[in-house]
Protein backbone atom coordinates (compact mmCIF):
# COMPACT_ATOMS: atom_id res chain seq x y z
CA UNK A 1 -79.30 -43.88 197.52
CA UNK A 2 -76.71 -43.88 200.66
CA UNK A 3 -73.02 -42.71 199.73
CA UNK A 4 -71.81 -44.54 202.18
CA UNK A 5 -72.74 -47.67 200.64
CA UNK A 6 -69.59 -48.47 198.97
CA UNK A 7 -67.70 -47.51 202.18
CA UNK A 8 -66.37 -50.84 202.68
CA UNK A 9 -66.12 -52.66 199.84
CA UNK A 10 -62.60 -54.16 199.28
CA UNK A 11 -59.96 -52.84 197.02
CA UNK A 12 -60.90 -52.95 193.42
CA UNK A 13 -59.58 -55.48 190.53
CA UNK A 14 -55.77 -55.06 191.04
CA UNK A 15 -53.79 -55.64 187.76
CA UNK A 16 -50.76 -57.85 188.08
CA UNK A 17 -47.53 -56.46 189.24
CA UNK A 18 -45.39 -55.64 186.40
CA UNK A 19 -43.09 -58.05 185.20
CA UNK A 20 -39.23 -56.63 185.59
CA UNK A 21 -36.08 -58.54 185.52
CA UNK A 22 -35.87 -61.15 188.71
CA UNK A 23 -33.74 -59.62 191.81
CA UNK A 24 -30.24 -60.64 192.10
CA UNK A 25 -29.81 -63.57 194.56
CA UNK A 26 -28.96 -62.69 198.37
CA UNK A 27 -25.39 -61.33 198.69
CA UNK A 28 -25.14 -60.99 195.31
CA UNK A 29 -24.28 -57.69 193.84
CA UNK A 30 -27.07 -56.40 191.50
CA UNK A 31 -25.78 -56.55 187.78
CA UNK A 32 -25.00 -52.41 186.15
CA UNK A 33 -27.94 -51.66 184.19
CA UNK A 34 -27.05 -52.49 180.26
CA UNK A 35 -25.94 -49.96 178.34
CA UNK A 36 -27.88 -49.64 174.60
CA UNK A 37 -25.32 -48.30 172.00
CA UNK A 38 -24.02 -49.43 168.55
CA UNK A 39 -22.32 -52.51 168.13
CA UNK A 40 -19.17 -52.57 166.27
CA UNK A 41 -18.52 -55.82 164.59
CA UNK A 42 -15.72 -58.14 165.57
CA UNK A 43 -11.92 -57.55 164.25
CA UNK A 44 -10.77 -60.92 162.64
CA UNK A 45 -7.17 -61.72 162.17
CA UNK A 46 -6.24 -61.60 158.69
CA UNK A 47 -4.95 -64.97 157.52
CA UNK A 48 -3.67 -66.27 154.24
CA UNK A 49 -6.16 -68.88 153.23
CA UNK A 50 -5.10 -72.76 153.04
CA UNK A 51 -6.61 -75.83 151.43
CA UNK A 52 -7.52 -76.79 154.94
CA UNK A 53 -8.79 -73.23 155.76
CA UNK A 54 -11.04 -73.54 152.61
CA UNK A 55 -12.39 -77.07 153.80
CA UNK A 56 -13.35 -75.52 157.22
CA UNK A 57 -15.15 -72.84 155.47
CA UNK A 58 -17.27 -75.02 153.24
CA UNK A 59 -18.27 -77.13 156.05
CA UNK A 60 -19.23 -74.22 158.08
CA UNK A 61 -21.34 -73.07 155.43
CA UNK A 62 -23.18 -76.72 154.83
CA UNK A 63 -23.72 -76.34 158.90
CA UNK A 64 -25.89 -72.97 158.63
CA UNK A 65 -28.75 -74.68 157.76
CA UNK A 66 -32.26 -72.86 156.60
CA UNK A 67 -35.14 -71.69 158.73
CA UNK A 68 -36.93 -74.82 158.32
CA UNK A 69 -34.67 -77.10 160.40
CA UNK A 70 -34.87 -74.41 162.73
CA UNK A 71 -38.37 -74.24 162.98
CA UNK A 72 -38.25 -78.37 163.19
CA UNK A 73 -36.15 -77.93 166.19
CA UNK A 74 -38.64 -75.78 167.71
CA UNK A 75 -41.47 -78.11 166.90
CA UNK A 76 -39.26 -80.84 168.71
CA UNK A 77 -38.50 -79.07 171.71
CA UNK A 78 -42.18 -78.15 172.53
CA UNK A 79 -43.27 -82.14 171.59
CA UNK A 80 -40.55 -82.86 174.37
CA UNK A 81 -42.32 -80.38 176.96
CA UNK A 82 -45.85 -82.03 176.27
CA UNK A 83 -47.00 -80.66 172.80
CA UNK A 84 -49.02 -82.58 170.76
CA UNK A 85 -47.66 -83.05 167.27
CA UNK A 86 -50.13 -81.03 165.70
CA UNK A 87 -49.75 -77.96 168.32
CA UNK A 88 -46.05 -78.16 168.52
CA UNK A 89 -46.03 -77.64 164.09
CA UNK A 90 -48.72 -75.04 164.73
CA UNK A 91 -46.38 -73.11 167.22
CA UNK A 92 -43.14 -73.50 166.05
CA UNK A 93 -44.81 -71.95 162.66
CA UNK A 94 -45.62 -68.93 164.75
CA UNK A 95 -42.84 -68.23 165.96
CA UNK A 96 -39.99 -67.61 163.30
CA UNK A 97 -38.33 -64.95 166.12
CA UNK A 98 -37.82 -67.76 168.69
CA UNK A 99 -36.09 -70.34 166.03
CA UNK A 100 -34.04 -67.22 164.63
CA UNK A 101 -32.80 -66.41 168.03
CA UNK A 102 -31.38 -69.99 168.30
CA UNK A 103 -30.32 -70.41 165.12
CA UNK A 104 -27.81 -67.27 165.57
CA UNK A 105 -26.50 -68.30 168.63
CA UNK A 106 -25.87 -71.70 166.50
CA UNK A 107 -24.42 -69.69 163.86
CA UNK A 108 -22.02 -67.48 166.21
CA UNK A 109 -20.47 -70.98 168.35
CA UNK A 110 -19.71 -72.26 164.57
CA UNK A 111 -17.85 -69.26 163.84
CA UNK A 112 -15.98 -68.67 166.80
CA UNK A 113 -15.47 -72.27 167.62
CA UNK A 114 -16.71 -72.26 170.98
CA UNK A 115 -18.64 -75.12 171.37
CA UNK A 116 -16.43 -76.64 173.94
CA UNK A 117 -16.57 -73.92 176.41
CA UNK A 118 -20.74 -73.63 175.88
CA UNK A 119 -21.23 -77.33 176.84
CA UNK A 120 -19.13 -76.89 179.71
CA UNK A 121 -21.76 -74.05 180.95
CA UNK A 122 -24.86 -75.51 179.68
CA UNK A 123 -24.25 -78.87 180.84
CA UNK A 124 -25.27 -79.91 177.43
CA UNK A 125 -22.59 -82.89 175.35
CA UNK A 126 -18.75 -82.37 175.02
CA UNK A 127 -17.69 -79.52 173.03
CA UNK A 128 -16.54 -81.54 170.43
CA UNK A 129 -19.39 -83.93 169.65
CA UNK A 130 -21.60 -80.99 169.69
CA UNK A 131 -19.90 -79.15 167.32
CA UNK A 132 -19.66 -82.26 164.91
CA UNK A 133 -23.68 -82.38 164.85
CA UNK A 134 -25.70 -80.81 162.20
CA UNK A 135 -27.61 -77.70 162.36
CA UNK A 136 -30.78 -78.92 162.99
CA UNK A 137 -29.30 -80.71 166.08
CA UNK A 138 -27.68 -77.76 167.28
CA UNK A 139 -30.57 -75.64 167.30
CA UNK A 140 -32.50 -78.51 169.36
CA UNK A 141 -29.87 -78.43 172.20
CA UNK A 142 -29.66 -74.69 172.01
CA UNK A 143 -33.08 -74.52 172.95
CA UNK A 144 -33.04 -77.07 175.49
CA UNK A 145 -30.25 -75.50 177.36
CA UNK A 146 -32.31 -72.23 178.11
CA UNK A 147 -35.02 -74.32 180.54
CA UNK A 148 -37.99 -72.14 179.66
CA UNK A 149 -39.76 -75.38 179.07
CA UNK A 150 -40.58 -73.93 175.19
CA UNK A 151 -42.78 -71.57 176.58
CA UNK A 152 -41.20 -68.34 174.99
CA UNK A 153 -42.50 -69.60 171.71
CA UNK A 154 -45.73 -70.55 172.69
CA UNK A 155 -46.08 -67.12 174.10
CA UNK A 156 -44.62 -65.35 170.73
CA UNK A 157 -46.63 -67.74 168.28
CA UNK A 158 -49.66 -65.67 169.91
CA UNK A 159 -48.36 -62.40 168.01
CA UNK A 160 -46.34 -61.16 170.74
CA UNK A 161 -43.52 -59.52 170.35
CA UNK A 162 -40.15 -62.03 171.14
CA UNK A 163 -38.77 -59.35 173.54
CA UNK A 164 -42.01 -59.21 175.27
CA UNK A 165 -42.65 -63.24 175.26
CA UNK A 166 -38.50 -63.65 176.92
CA UNK A 167 -40.35 -61.44 179.65
CA UNK A 168 -43.43 -62.91 180.25
CA UNK A 169 -42.33 -66.38 179.96
CA UNK A 170 -40.76 -66.87 183.54
CA UNK A 171 -43.68 -66.07 185.36
CA UNK A 172 -45.93 -68.79 183.72
CA UNK A 173 -43.58 -71.48 182.77
CA UNK A 174 -44.16 -73.18 186.09
CA UNK A 175 -47.92 -73.80 184.36
CA UNK A 176 -46.52 -76.08 182.40
CA UNK A 177 -46.60 -76.12 178.57
CA UNK A 178 -49.52 -78.21 177.93
CA UNK A 179 -51.45 -76.20 180.31
CA UNK A 180 -50.71 -73.11 178.92
CA UNK A 181 -51.60 -74.60 175.43
CA UNK A 182 -55.10 -75.66 176.62
CA UNK A 183 -55.54 -72.40 178.33
CA UNK A 184 -54.75 -70.06 175.09
CA UNK A 185 -57.37 -72.43 173.44
CA UNK A 186 -59.95 -71.63 176.21
CA UNK A 187 -59.07 -67.55 176.30
CA UNK A 188 -59.70 -67.61 172.30
CA UNK A 189 -62.61 -69.58 172.84
CA UNK A 190 -63.91 -67.44 175.50
CA UNK A 191 -63.05 -63.88 174.10
CA UNK A 192 -63.12 -64.22 170.36
CA UNK A 193 -65.67 -67.18 169.22
CA UNK A 194 -67.83 -65.28 166.47
CA UNK A 195 -71.14 -63.71 168.03
CA UNK A 196 -71.64 -60.79 165.43
CA UNK A 197 -71.17 -58.05 168.12
CA UNK A 198 -67.83 -57.71 167.32
CA UNK A 199 -68.38 -54.15 165.78
CA UNK A 200 -70.02 -52.87 168.67
CA UNK A 201 -67.78 -54.23 171.01
CA UNK A 202 -64.85 -51.79 169.32
CA UNK A 203 -67.47 -48.88 169.16
CA UNK A 204 -68.45 -49.03 172.98
CA UNK A 205 -64.94 -49.13 174.00
CA UNK A 206 -64.46 -45.83 172.09
CA UNK A 207 -67.38 -44.29 173.69
CA UNK A 208 -65.80 -45.61 177.07
CA UNK A 209 -62.56 -43.75 176.77
CA UNK A 210 -64.30 -40.83 174.72
CA UNK A 211 -66.46 -39.76 177.90
CA UNK A 212 -63.94 -40.61 180.72
CA UNK A 213 -62.67 -37.59 182.60
CA UNK A 214 -62.17 -38.67 186.23
CA UNK A 215 -58.08 -40.03 187.59
CA UNK A 216 -58.16 -43.57 186.87
CA UNK A 217 -56.96 -46.44 189.77
CA UNK A 218 -54.74 -48.80 188.37
CA UNK A 219 -56.94 -51.31 187.28
CA UNK A 220 -58.24 -48.67 184.83
CA UNK A 221 -54.88 -47.38 184.16
CA UNK A 222 -53.87 -50.61 182.47
CA UNK A 223 -57.05 -50.90 180.40
CA UNK A 224 -56.46 -47.12 179.02
CA UNK A 225 -53.09 -48.50 178.18
CA UNK A 226 -54.20 -51.53 176.32
CA UNK A 227 -56.52 -49.39 174.77
CA UNK A 228 -53.69 -47.26 173.41
CA UNK A 229 -51.66 -49.76 172.23
CA UNK A 230 -54.59 -50.81 170.32
CA UNK A 231 -55.28 -47.54 168.96
CA UNK A 232 -52.42 -47.02 167.50
CA UNK A 233 -52.40 -50.03 165.08
CA UNK A 234 -54.19 -50.15 161.97
CA UNK A 235 -57.99 -50.15 162.75
CA UNK A 236 -57.48 -49.25 166.22
CA UNK A 237 -60.27 -50.34 168.80
CA UNK A 238 -62.26 -51.37 165.72
CA UNK A 239 -60.08 -54.51 165.79
CA UNK A 240 -60.82 -55.22 169.70
CA UNK A 241 -63.31 -58.20 169.49
CA UNK A 242 -60.51 -59.97 166.67
CA UNK A 243 -58.48 -62.07 168.16
CA UNK A 244 -55.84 -62.11 165.72
CA UNK A 245 -55.52 -58.34 166.27
CA UNK A 246 -56.02 -58.34 169.85
CA UNK A 247 -54.71 -60.86 171.61
CA UNK A 248 -51.20 -59.95 171.86
CA UNK A 249 -51.82 -56.52 172.92
CA UNK A 250 -54.08 -58.07 175.87
CA UNK A 251 -51.64 -60.87 176.86
CA UNK A 252 -48.68 -58.01 176.77
CA UNK A 253 -50.83 -56.11 178.87
CA UNK A 254 -51.94 -58.49 181.42
CA UNK A 255 -49.48 -61.33 181.13
CA UNK A 256 -51.13 -62.99 184.42
CA UNK A 257 -54.13 -63.68 182.45
CA UNK A 258 -52.19 -66.83 181.46
CA UNK A 259 -52.23 -68.03 185.21
CA UNK A 260 -55.96 -67.70 185.27
CA UNK A 261 -57.42 -71.63 185.74
CA UNK A 262 -59.97 -72.37 183.62
CA UNK A 263 -61.86 -74.72 186.14
CA UNK A 264 -61.24 -73.11 189.43
CA UNK A 265 -61.33 -69.41 187.94
CA UNK A 266 -62.59 -68.89 184.54
CA UNK A 267 -65.61 -70.88 184.21
CA UNK A 268 -66.87 -69.46 187.43
CA UNK A 269 -66.42 -66.05 185.95
CA UNK A 270 -68.66 -66.56 183.44
CA UNK A 271 -70.81 -68.56 185.16
CA UNK A 272 -71.64 -65.26 187.70
CA UNK A 273 -71.49 -62.97 184.43
CA UNK A 274 -74.60 -65.14 183.24
CA UNK A 275 -75.93 -64.94 186.72
CA UNK A 276 -76.34 -61.12 186.80
CA UNK A 277 -77.79 -60.87 183.55
CA UNK A 278 -75.15 -61.04 180.77
CA UNK A 279 -75.72 -62.91 178.22
CA UNK A 280 -73.36 -65.72 177.05
CA UNK A 281 -72.80 -64.10 173.31
CA UNK A 282 -71.91 -60.72 175.05
CA UNK A 283 -69.46 -62.00 177.96
CA UNK A 284 -66.12 -60.62 175.52
CA UNK A 285 -67.82 -57.34 175.66
CA UNK A 286 -67.34 -57.15 179.43
CA UNK A 287 -64.42 -58.65 179.39
CA UNK A 288 -62.33 -57.51 176.66
CA UNK A 289 -63.54 -53.70 177.45
CA UNK A 290 -62.38 -54.61 181.15
CA UNK A 291 -59.52 -57.35 181.27
CA UNK A 292 -58.97 -56.62 184.95
CA UNK A 293 -62.17 -58.38 185.78
CA UNK A 294 -60.56 -61.96 184.31
CA UNK A 295 -58.29 -61.35 186.90
CA UNK A 296 -60.47 -60.68 190.06
CA UNK A 297 -62.02 -62.79 192.46
CA UNK A 298 -65.86 -63.51 191.92
CA UNK A 299 -66.40 -63.90 195.60
CA UNK A 300 -63.92 -61.42 197.10
CA UNK A 301 -64.26 -58.58 194.49
CA UNK A 302 -66.54 -58.76 191.88
CA UNK A 303 -69.88 -60.09 194.57
CA UNK A 304 -69.13 -57.15 197.04
CA UNK A 305 -68.54 -54.30 194.20
CA UNK A 306 -72.40 -56.06 192.62
CA UNK A 307 -73.98 -55.90 195.93
CA UNK A 308 -72.97 -52.32 196.43
CA UNK A 309 -74.73 -51.31 193.43
CA UNK A 310 -77.73 -53.15 194.40
CA UNK A 311 -77.51 -51.11 197.89
CA UNK A 312 -77.46 -47.92 195.91
CA UNK A 313 -80.55 -48.39 194.35
CA UNK A 314 -79.84 -50.26 191.22
CA UNK A 315 -81.89 -53.23 190.35
CA UNK A 316 -80.44 -56.70 189.82
CA UNK A 317 -82.31 -56.66 186.18
CA UNK A 318 -80.56 -53.31 185.39
CA UNK A 319 -76.64 -54.57 186.52
CA UNK A 320 -76.39 -56.86 183.44
CA UNK A 321 -77.37 -54.19 180.96
CA UNK A 322 -74.95 -51.52 182.69
CA UNK A 323 -72.34 -54.36 182.68
CA UNK A 324 -72.69 -54.68 179.19
CA UNK A 325 -72.72 -50.82 178.31
CA UNK A 326 -69.99 -49.89 180.61
CA UNK A 327 -68.07 -52.81 182.65
CA UNK A 328 -65.85 -49.79 184.66
CA UNK A 329 -68.42 -49.99 187.04
CA UNK A 330 -66.47 -52.56 188.83
CA UNK A 331 -63.76 -49.92 189.16
CA UNK A 332 -62.57 -48.49 192.43
CA UNK A 333 -62.45 -44.59 190.38
CA UNK A 334 -65.64 -44.92 188.76
CA UNK A 335 -67.38 -45.97 192.51
CA UNK A 336 -65.97 -43.21 194.29
CA UNK A 337 -66.44 -40.98 191.41
CA UNK A 338 -70.41 -41.83 192.03
CA UNK A 339 -70.11 -40.53 195.13
CA UNK A 340 -68.67 -37.08 194.09
CA UNK A 341 -71.59 -37.30 191.54
CA UNK A 342 -74.11 -37.51 194.06
CA UNK A 343 -72.81 -34.79 196.18
CA UNK A 344 -72.87 -32.90 193.33
CA UNK A 345 -76.46 -32.71 192.77
CA UNK A 346 -77.43 -32.66 196.04
CA UNK A 347 -75.40 -29.33 196.13
CA UNK A 348 -78.04 -28.15 193.18
CA UNK A 349 -81.03 -29.37 195.23
CA UNK A 350 -81.65 -32.38 192.47
CA UNK A 351 -82.63 -35.66 194.05
CA UNK A 352 -80.68 -38.34 193.75
CA UNK A 353 -83.23 -40.46 192.26
CA UNK A 354 -82.82 -38.55 188.83
CA UNK A 355 -78.93 -40.06 189.09
CA UNK A 356 -79.51 -43.45 189.78
CA UNK A 357 -82.50 -43.36 186.74
CA UNK A 358 -79.90 -41.79 184.18
CA UNK A 359 -77.28 -44.52 185.27
CA UNK A 360 -79.32 -47.31 184.38
CA UNK A 361 -79.68 -45.89 180.51
CA UNK A 362 -76.35 -43.90 180.55
CA UNK A 363 -73.58 -45.73 182.83
CA UNK A 364 -71.12 -43.65 180.66
CA UNK A 365 -72.12 -40.97 183.42
CA UNK A 366 -70.11 -42.43 186.18
CA UNK A 367 -66.80 -41.97 184.06
CA UNK A 368 -67.49 -38.29 183.65
CA UNK A 369 -66.15 -35.51 185.93
CA UNK A 370 -68.46 -33.57 187.99
CA UNK A 371 -66.48 -30.37 186.60
CA UNK A 372 -67.57 -31.37 183.26
CA UNK A 373 -71.10 -31.89 183.84
CA UNK A 374 -71.07 -28.49 185.29
CA UNK A 375 -69.83 -26.71 182.37
CA UNK A 376 -73.04 -28.19 180.74
CA UNK A 377 -75.72 -26.71 183.41
CA UNK A 378 -73.92 -23.41 182.98
CA UNK A 379 -75.03 -23.61 179.35
CA UNK A 380 -78.65 -24.80 180.17
CA UNK A 381 -78.69 -21.67 182.76
CA UNK A 382 -77.31 -19.42 179.81
CA UNK A 383 -80.53 -20.53 177.78
CA UNK A 384 -83.43 -19.93 180.53
CA UNK A 385 -83.80 -23.34 181.26
CA UNK A 386 -85.19 -23.39 184.65
CA UNK A 387 -84.48 -25.67 187.38
CA UNK A 388 -87.96 -27.18 187.45
CA UNK A 389 -87.46 -28.28 183.31
CA UNK A 390 -83.69 -29.46 184.33
CA UNK A 391 -84.80 -32.68 185.75
CA UNK A 392 -87.10 -33.98 182.97
CA UNK A 393 -84.55 -32.62 180.21
CA UNK A 394 -81.85 -34.60 181.93
CA UNK A 395 -84.04 -37.71 182.45
CA UNK A 396 -84.76 -37.53 179.13
CA UNK A 397 -81.22 -37.57 177.67
CA UNK A 398 -79.08 -38.16 180.32
CA UNK A 399 -75.88 -38.32 177.61
CA UNK A 400 -76.10 -34.41 177.36
CA UNK A 401 -73.81 -34.30 180.59
CA UNK A 402 -71.57 -36.07 178.55
CA UNK A 403 -70.84 -33.49 175.91
CA UNK A 404 -68.29 -30.77 175.60
CA UNK A 405 -69.20 -27.88 176.07
CA UNK A 406 -67.89 -27.00 172.40
CA UNK A 407 -70.27 -29.65 170.95
CA UNK A 408 -73.18 -28.14 172.49
CA UNK A 409 -72.47 -24.86 171.72
CA UNK A 410 -72.02 -25.79 167.85
CA UNK A 411 -75.69 -26.98 168.19
CA UNK A 412 -76.82 -23.65 169.81
CA UNK A 413 -75.06 -22.06 166.68
CA UNK A 414 -76.56 -24.06 164.45
CA UNK A 415 -80.30 -22.89 165.37
CA UNK A 416 -79.21 -19.64 165.97
CA UNK A 417 -77.91 -18.74 162.43
CA UNK A 418 -81.62 -20.52 161.46
CA UNK A 419 -82.72 -17.40 163.27
CA UNK A 420 -84.04 -18.85 166.63
CA UNK A 421 -82.94 -16.43 169.41
CA UNK A 422 -81.60 -17.76 173.23
CA UNK A 423 -85.02 -18.46 174.54
CA UNK A 424 -86.64 -20.12 171.33
CA UNK A 425 -83.10 -22.45 171.50
CA UNK A 426 -83.95 -23.24 175.22
CA UNK A 427 -87.51 -23.98 174.54
CA UNK A 428 -86.18 -26.40 171.64
CA UNK A 429 -83.67 -28.65 174.26
CA UNK A 430 -86.82 -28.82 176.74
CA UNK A 431 -88.87 -30.22 174.07
CA UNK A 432 -86.45 -32.08 172.40
CA UNK A 433 -83.22 -32.74 174.09
CA UNK A 434 -81.90 -35.54 172.47
CA UNK A 435 -81.20 -33.34 169.61
CA UNK A 436 -78.15 -31.55 171.49
CA UNK A 437 -76.95 -34.78 172.15
CA UNK A 438 -76.83 -35.93 168.15
CA UNK A 439 -74.28 -35.26 165.87
CA UNK A 440 -73.84 -31.60 164.14
CA UNK A 441 -72.78 -33.04 160.63
CA UNK A 442 -73.97 -36.24 160.28
CA UNK A 443 -77.27 -35.93 161.52
CA UNK A 444 -78.18 -32.51 162.13
CA UNK A 445 -76.85 -30.59 159.05
CA UNK A 446 -77.90 -33.75 157.03
CA UNK A 447 -81.66 -33.44 157.72
CA UNK A 448 -81.91 -29.70 156.52
CA UNK A 449 -79.77 -30.46 153.18
CA UNK A 450 -82.20 -33.11 152.50
CA UNK A 451 -85.22 -30.92 153.44
CA UNK A 452 -84.05 -28.02 151.06
CA UNK A 453 -82.64 -30.43 148.20
CA UNK A 454 -86.22 -31.78 148.16
CA UNK A 455 -87.59 -28.41 147.46
CA UNK A 456 -88.10 -27.11 150.95
CA UNK A 457 -88.01 -22.85 150.95
CA UNK A 458 -84.75 -21.96 153.89
CA UNK A 459 -87.24 -19.38 154.68
CA UNK A 460 -89.75 -21.89 156.05
CA UNK A 461 -87.15 -24.00 157.57
CA UNK A 462 -87.27 -22.16 160.79
CA UNK A 463 -91.29 -22.43 161.12
CA UNK A 464 -90.61 -25.86 160.04
CA UNK A 465 -88.01 -27.02 163.06
CA UNK A 466 -90.56 -24.69 165.42
CA UNK A 467 -93.16 -26.46 164.82
CA UNK A 468 -91.78 -30.17 164.99
CA UNK A 469 -87.66 -29.84 165.90
CA UNK A 470 -87.91 -33.80 166.49
CA UNK A 471 -88.01 -34.24 162.30
CA UNK A 472 -84.08 -33.30 162.68
CA UNK A 473 -83.94 -36.74 164.22
CA UNK A 474 -85.71 -38.88 162.06
CA UNK A 475 -84.11 -41.09 159.75
CA UNK A 476 -84.22 -40.05 155.86
CA UNK A 477 -84.21 -43.34 154.44
CA UNK A 478 -86.48 -45.28 156.68
CA UNK A 479 -88.60 -42.38 157.84
CA UNK A 480 -88.99 -39.08 155.51
CA UNK A 481 -88.12 -40.47 152.29
CA UNK A 482 -90.99 -43.22 152.36
CA UNK A 483 -93.51 -40.59 153.66
CA UNK A 484 -92.57 -37.77 150.77
CA UNK A 485 -92.86 -40.61 148.45
CA UNK A 486 -95.98 -41.72 149.63
CA UNK A 487 -98.13 -38.68 148.96
CA UNK A 488 -95.89 -38.43 145.64
CA UNK A 489 -97.60 -41.47 144.55
CA UNK A 490 -100.77 -40.46 145.70
CA UNK A 491 -100.49 -37.80 142.66
CA UNK A 492 -99.34 -34.76 144.44
CA UNK A 493 -96.62 -32.85 143.14
CA UNK A 494 -93.12 -32.51 144.71
CA UNK A 495 -94.62 -28.32 145.13
CA UNK A 496 -97.81 -29.57 147.23
CA UNK A 497 -95.80 -31.96 149.66
CA UNK A 498 -93.51 -29.11 150.16
CA UNK A 499 -96.10 -26.97 151.15
CA UNK A 500 -97.88 -29.32 153.13
CA UNK A 501 -94.42 -29.72 154.92
CA UNK A 502 -94.08 -26.23 155.43
CA UNK A 503 -97.72 -25.53 157.04
CA UNK A 504 -97.64 -29.00 159.26
CA UNK A 505 -94.14 -30.51 159.68
CA UNK A 506 -94.94 -33.17 162.05
CA UNK A 507 -96.89 -34.58 158.91
CA UNK A 508 -93.58 -36.48 158.22
CA UNK A 509 -93.53 -38.32 162.06
CA UNK A 510 -96.72 -39.80 161.53
CA UNK A 511 -96.79 -44.01 160.22
CA UNK A 512 -97.97 -44.67 156.50
CA UNK A 513 -99.81 -47.84 157.66
CA UNK A 514 -101.49 -46.70 160.93
CA UNK A 515 -102.27 -42.90 160.60
CA UNK A 516 -101.82 -41.22 156.98
CA UNK A 517 -103.08 -44.27 154.68
CA UNK A 518 -106.92 -44.74 156.50
CA UNK A 519 -107.02 -41.10 157.13
CA UNK A 520 -106.26 -40.20 153.28
CA UNK A 521 -108.55 -43.44 152.18
CA UNK A 522 -111.45 -41.85 154.14
CA UNK A 523 -110.99 -38.61 153.11
CA UNK A 524 -111.07 -39.71 149.25
CA UNK A 525 -113.74 -42.70 149.30
CA UNK A 526 -116.17 -41.66 151.95
CA UNK A 527 -116.10 -38.08 152.60
CA UNK A 528 -115.73 -37.47 148.72
CA UNK A 529 -113.09 -34.71 149.20
CA UNK A 530 -110.54 -33.60 146.79
CA UNK A 531 -106.99 -34.60 147.27
CA UNK A 532 -105.82 -30.75 147.24
CA UNK A 533 -107.97 -30.85 150.63
CA UNK A 534 -105.01 -32.10 152.78
CA UNK A 535 -102.24 -29.92 150.88
CA UNK A 536 -104.59 -26.76 151.86
CA UNK A 537 -105.16 -28.39 155.30
CA UNK A 538 -102.74 -30.92 156.17
CA UNK A 539 -103.43 -30.90 159.89
CA UNK A 540 -106.49 -32.97 159.27
CA UNK A 541 -103.61 -36.04 159.87
CA UNK A 542 -103.36 -35.06 163.45
CA UNK A 543 -106.86 -35.60 164.48
CA UNK A 544 -107.98 -39.40 165.43
CA UNK A 545 -110.53 -40.87 163.00
CA UNK A 546 -112.55 -42.58 164.96
CA UNK A 547 -112.33 -40.04 168.07
CA UNK A 548 -112.87 -36.87 165.73
CA UNK A 549 -112.55 -37.34 161.94
CA UNK A 550 -115.58 -39.66 161.79
CA UNK A 551 -118.05 -38.15 164.21
CA UNK A 552 -117.61 -34.89 163.04
CA UNK A 553 -118.07 -35.86 159.19
CA UNK A 554 -121.42 -37.97 160.03
CA UNK A 555 -122.73 -34.54 161.76
CA UNK A 556 -122.19 -32.48 158.80
CA UNK A 557 -123.69 -35.14 156.67
CA UNK A 558 -126.56 -35.27 158.48
CA UNK A 559 -127.42 -31.95 158.24
CA UNK A 560 -126.20 -31.83 154.52
CA UNK A 561 -123.71 -28.59 154.94
CA UNK A 562 -120.72 -28.76 152.68
CA UNK A 563 -117.69 -27.27 154.61
CA UNK A 564 -113.61 -27.20 154.29
CA UNK A 565 -111.56 -29.65 156.53
CA UNK A 566 -110.39 -26.33 158.23
CA UNK A 567 -114.18 -25.59 159.50
CA UNK A 568 -114.80 -29.24 159.89
CA UNK A 569 -112.11 -29.72 161.99
CA UNK A 570 -110.34 -26.57 163.00
CA UNK A 571 -112.92 -25.49 165.79
CA UNK A 572 -112.80 -27.10 169.23
CA UNK A 573 -115.63 -29.09 170.44
CA UNK A 574 -117.67 -25.95 172.10
CA UNK A 575 -117.06 -23.63 168.69
CA UNK A 576 -118.14 -26.94 166.77
CA UNK A 577 -121.47 -27.92 168.60
CA UNK A 578 -122.54 -24.07 168.78
CA UNK A 579 -122.20 -23.38 165.06
CA UNK A 580 -123.40 -27.06 163.88
CA UNK A 581 -125.50 -28.31 166.49
CA UNK A 582 -127.18 -25.32 167.71
CA UNK A 583 -125.91 -25.90 171.38
CA UNK A 584 -124.42 -22.46 172.74
CA UNK A 585 -121.87 -22.99 175.48
């Protein structure tokens, strides 16, 4: 894989520029910054209440209106700007902040009697005429004077804070309210239609964050900022695929999404992702984990990066799978880190072919710094794992490169506490590296506790684990218990089963239907051996029924010899032939 492959690729997936207050017109000095502080209440002159004043106060009170009038006024504004009656009513009901803002403005003008000056500035009706209108009509005209095309209530209705909605609206208002309403519906359908992968989407986003340890480009920085906003709320990233929760944060973080045309951009993006192997129901997994992809041009941004990975030796059939697991492969930071990782392994005289194989199954490695990888390789050296064994170990479990040193050392200590020395721990790494990528508390210790609770003696555990370390990765309810219960159901006691496990722990990894049952049936029904025979020699289950058990049994039977399972199967072919067939080696 050539490192120069990515040199000519264009700048990656830049997020939209931050939305800020528009610059002042040329020739006009900028406004001084707002000073935020305590706002003192207005001081009103003390006057004597007259009957006329009392009547005016009563009229003012009746003009205050209620939230329903303000909501109806907002709905009318939305209809005037092109929203359907149904959409207008739904949006207005979900934009209470906007309605309250307009209502507060109306009340303030009512209290101060400033409708005349407001009307002159807003180009609305004459002040006297405005003052005589009802509360709802005043709210309506107040909203119309804002000239935001009723986009602010639409954005707020998505769950965005009113303050953010007011900042976003000027950048997208030119699209027109009907277009934006249709686009919002398209986004929700595209990203949040129920697919059954909601839990997986959140879990993968957490894993991507946890294993990321390289400098982030702008696209990744904006994504990480979005993730952090999600993590700060109840449910965190687990709610990433739940639109009612994450969509507001998505729009706040990437407001320019509302400028993406459905026909010219979004549909083309979906078609391309399907073309490279991302199943349509899984497309939200890619887009929610890396939203800048949505803002990127398929031809200018995304295709060149896909082609670059193909030139680096990643077959197209793997591209879709890698995107599902790690959409950040389209990030400039990740591509740059790939080149650094190639150099890192070349310096250690490890073939670049290994990296190509590893990233197909664990593309998260591409976001891991070489410094972190090196810290794990140093620990391998300390356990006596040779360079010759290093590649098979990492090819089998490349996720070990993502381990934090303290996590790896905790598992090393776990084995040392059971009585294994450093060399023995190194052998376990070479035989079953996945153990060192597993969870200490919820996987390894849980299996040990289960074995002890079943009746296995603690002093036998080192022998059991040494013989069959993969035991620690077996599922308790789907694998271990069914096999134990199978033997108990045949009439063996717990003590017998514990003895069998202590003598030959691989027993717990054999299939009941394909291994244990047919061999036990042959032993009891054809060989006429007692059930206790397998307690004394559980290794019997390790031999091939057709290749060893049956042939040897028929030979022994034909010679009318009565012997134990140990004598029958414990000898290699030469010794067996010499003793029972009279053939010397």
